[in-house]
Amino acid sequence: MSSLVKLENSIIAIIKTIYDPEIPVDIFELGLIYEVKIDTEHNVTIEMTLTSPNCPVAETMPKEVEDKVKGHPEVNDAKVNIVFDPPWDKDMMSEEAMLELGFL
């Protein structure tokens, strides 16, 4: 396994520690993370969305993701881009999240 794949896996593990305050599932399993990009200098760019544009944590959650990912010893810098295209819906959740929330 390449070092970038290992780093990506550990970044995803960090992201899985962050929960949407209104839904008892982590934001990765909820399908809020669209992409994790890592360049050769270990700068990380994360494309993510929110469950709605009026989400009460619209200001704090992206910063929490950035701060936690920046805290990884192999990460040089981290930036979160919030996107609403495509808009999030419950079909983006993992099977684990759907099971947790009683959709399966």
C-alpha atoms as a PDB file:
ATOM      1  CA  MET A   1       0.000   0.000   0.000  1.00  0.00           C
ATOM      2  CA  SER A   2       1.457   3.374  -0.989  1.00  0.00           C
ATOM      3  CA  SER A   3       2.135   6.011   1.632  1.00  0.00           C
ATOM      4  CA  LEU A   4      -0.515   8.325   0.096  1.00  0.00           C
ATOM      5  CA  VAL A   5      -3.145   5.578   0.341  1.00  0.00           C
ATOM      6  CA  LYS A   6      -2.156   4.980   3.985  1.00  0.00           C
ATOM      7  CA  LEU A   7      -2.377   8.721   4.640  1.00  0.00           C
ATOM      8  CA  GLU A   8      -5.783   8.925   2.948  1.00  0.00           C
ATOM      9  CA  ASN A   9      -7.040   6.016   5.074  1.00  0.00           C
ATOM     10  CA  SER A  10      -5.830   7.689   8.265  1.00  0.00           C
ATOM     11  CA  ILE A  11      -7.449  10.993   7.211  1.00  0.00           C
ATOM     12  CA  ILE A  12     -10.741   9.158   6.629  1.00  0.00           C
ATOM     13  CA  ALA A  13     -10.379   7.594  10.085  1.00  0.00           C
ATOM     14  CA  ILE A  14     -10.023  11.120  11.533  1.00  0.00           C
ATOM     15  CA  ILE A  15     -13.076  12.335   9.588  1.00  0.00           C
ATOM     16  CA  LYS A  16     -15.068   9.392  10.970  1.00  0.00           C
ATOM     17  CA  THR A  17     -14.618  10.871  14.479  1.00  0.00           C
ATOM     18  CA  ILE A  18     -16.732  13.904  13.497  1.00  0.00           C
ATOM     19  CA  TYR A  19     -20.484  13.591  13.910  1.00  0.00           C
ATOM     20  CA  ASP A  20     -23.375  15.626  12.626  1.00  0.00           C
ATOM     21  CA  PRO A  21     -24.917  16.992  15.853  1.00  0.00           C
ATOM     22  CA  GLU A  22     -28.476  16.258  14.671  1.00  0.00           C
ATOM     23  CA  ILE A  23     -27.825  12.732  13.376  1.00  0.00           C
ATOM     24  CA  PRO A  24     -25.933  10.098  15.430  1.00  0.00           C
ATOM     25  CA  VAL A  25     -23.714   9.060  12.487  1.00  0.00           C
ATOM     26  CA  ASP A  26     -20.266  10.296  11.473  1.00  0.00           C
ATOM     27  CA  ILE A  27     -20.048  12.678   8.515  1.00  0.00           C
ATOM     28  CA  PHE A  28     -18.138  10.185   6.324  1.00  0.00           C
ATOM     29  CA  GLU A  29     -20.793   7.474   6.667  1.00  0.00           C
ATOM     30  CA  LEU A  30     -23.483  10.124   6.151  1.00  0.00           C
ATOM     31  CA  GLY A  31     -21.999  10.751   2.707  1.00  0.00           C
ATOM     32  CA  LEU A  32     -21.059  14.373   3.414  1.00  0.00           C
ATOM     33  CA  ILE A  33     -17.466  13.860   2.240  1.00  0.00           C
ATOM     34  CA  TYR A  34     -17.341  13.868  -1.554  1.00  0.00           C
ATOM     35  CA  GLU A  35     -13.575  13.755  -2.083  1.00  0.00           C
ATOM     36  CA  VAL A  36     -10.252  13.706  -0.238  1.00  0.00           C
ATOM     37  CA  LYS A  37      -7.317  14.881  -2.383  1.00  0.00           C
ATOM     38  CA  ILE A  38      -3.702  14.746  -1.217  1.00  0.00           C
ATOM     39  CA  ASP A  39      -0.887  16.330  -3.214  1.00  0.00           C
ATOM     40  CA  THR A  40       2.767  15.259  -3.180  1.00  0.00           C
ATOM     41  CA  GLU A  41       3.544  17.758  -0.411  1.00  0.00           C
ATOM     42  CA  HIS A  42       0.772  16.269   1.787  1.00  0.00           C
ATOM     43  CA  ASN A  43      -1.568  19.224   1.413  1.00  0.00           C
ATOM     44  CA  VAL A  44      -5.107  17.901   1.759  1.00  0.00           C
ATOM     45  CA  THR A  45      -8.197  19.279   0.034  1.00  0.00           C
ATOM     46  CA  ILE A  46     -11.563  17.932   1.119  1.00  0.00           C
ATOM     47  CA  GLU A  47     -14.760  18.462  -0.844  1.00  0.00           C
ATOM     48  CA  MET A  48     -17.724  18.150   1.457  1.00  0.00           C
ATOM     49  CA  THR A  49     -21.333  19.157   1.708  1.00  0.00           C
ATOM     50  CA  LEU A  50     -23.805  19.677   4.497  1.00  0.00           C
ATOM     51  CA  THR A  51     -27.200  18.060   4.975  1.00  0.00           C
ATOM     52  CA  SER A  52     -28.696  21.456   4.071  1.00  0.00           C
ATOM     53  CA  PRO A  53     -27.390  24.962   3.282  1.00  0.00           C
ATOM     54  CA  ASN A  54     -29.061  26.140   6.524  1.00  0.00           C
ATOM     55  CA  CYS A  55     -27.303  23.494   8.613  1.00  0.00           C
ATOM     56  CA  PRO A  56     -26.699  24.878  12.134  1.00  0.00           C
ATOM     57  CA  VAL A  57     -23.035  23.775  12.014  1.00  0.00           C
ATOM     58  CA  ALA A  58     -22.307  25.279   8.576  1.00  0.00           C
ATOM     59  CA  GLU A  59     -19.680  27.540  10.142  1.00  0.00           C
ATOM     60  CA  THR A  60     -18.122  25.178  12.672  1.00  0.00           C
ATOM     61  CA  MET A  61     -18.116  21.720  11.067  1.00  0.00           C
ATOM     62  CA  PRO A  62     -15.835  22.541   8.083  1.00  0.00           C
ATOM     63  CA  LYS A  63     -13.372  24.195  10.491  1.00  0.00           C
ATOM     64  CA  GLU A  64     -13.495  21.154  12.774  1.00  0.00           C
ATOM     65  CA  VAL A  65     -12.690  18.902   9.784  1.00  0.00           C
ATOM     66  CA  GLU A  66      -9.813  21.181   8.724  1.00  0.00           C
ATOM     67  CA  ASP A  67      -8.386  21.443  12.236  1.00  0.00           C
ATOM     68  CA  LYS A  68      -8.531  17.707  12.935  1.00  0.00           C
ATOM     69  CA  VAL A  69      -6.978  16.781   9.575  1.00  0.00           C
ATOM     70  CA  LYS A  70      -4.264  19.445  10.013  1.00  0.00           C
ATOM     71  CA  GLY A  71      -3.480  17.803  13.345  1.00  0.00           C
ATOM     72  CA  HIS A  72      -2.284  14.630  11.591  1.00  0.00           C
ATOM     73  CA  PRO A  73       1.537  14.579  11.831  1.00  0.00           C
ATOM     74  CA  GLU A  74       1.982  13.779   8.122  1.00  0.00           C
ATOM     75  CA  VAL A  75      -0.381  16.503   6.855  1.00  0.00           C
ATOM     76  CA  ASN A  76       1.230  19.763   5.784  1.00  0.00           C
ATOM     77  CA  ASP A  77      -2.033  21.711   5.386  1.00  0.00           C
ATOM     78  CA  ALA A  78      -5.756  21.034   5.004  1.00  0.00           C
ATOM     79  CA  LYS A  79      -8.518  22.943   3.265  1.00  0.00           C
ATOM     80  CA  VAL A  80     -12.243  22.147   3.197  1.00  0.00           C
ATOM     81  CA  ASN A  81     -14.366  23.285   0.277  1.00  0.00           C
ATOM     82  CA  ILE A  82     -18.110  23.258   0.893  1.00  0.00           C
ATOM     83  CA  VAL A  83     -20.128  22.341  -2.188  1.00  0.00           C
ATOM     84  CA  PHE A  84     -23.856  21.894  -2.707  1.00  0.00           C
ATOM     85  CA  ASP A  85     -23.665  20.249  -6.118  1.00  0.00           C
ATOM     86  CA  PRO A  86     -24.753  17.549  -6.080  1.00  0.00           C
ATOM     87  CA  PRO A  87     -27.075  18.277  -3.179  1.00  0.00           C
ATOM     88  CA  TRP A  88     -26.916  15.765  -0.340  1.00  0.00           C
ATOM     89  CA  ASP A  89     -29.737  13.307   0.136  1.00  0.00           C
ATOM     90  CA  LYS A  90     -30.158  10.193   2.255  1.00  0.00           C
ATOM     91  CA  ASP A  91     -29.211   7.907  -0.659  1.00  0.00           C
ATOM     92  CA  MET A  92     -25.600   9.107  -0.200  1.00  0.00           C
ATOM     93  CA  MET A  93     -25.383   7.465   3.219  1.00  0.00           C
ATOM     94  CA  SER A  94     -23.454   4.238   3.626  1.00  0.00           C
ATOM     95  CA  GLU A  95     -25.330   1.045   4.375  1.00  0.00           C
ATOM     96  CA  GLU A  96     -23.944   1.275   7.923  1.00  0.00           C
ATOM     97  CA  ALA A  97     -25.461   4.756   8.378  1.00  0.00           C
ATOM     98  CA  MET A  98     -28.818   3.695   6.920  1.00  0.00           C
ATOM     99  CA  LEU A  99     -28.901   0.708   9.257  1.00  0.00           C
ATOM    100  CA  GLU A 100     -27.999   2.912  12.255  1.00  0.00           C
ATOM    101  CA  LEU A 101     -30.830   5.315  11.410  1.00  0.00           C
ATOM    102  CA  GLY A 102     -33.373   2.590  10.717  1.00  0.00           C
ATOM    103  CA  PHE A 103     -33.648   3.094   6.957  1.00  0.00           C
ATOM    104  CA  LEU A 104     -32.781  -0.573   6.283  1.00  0.00           C
END
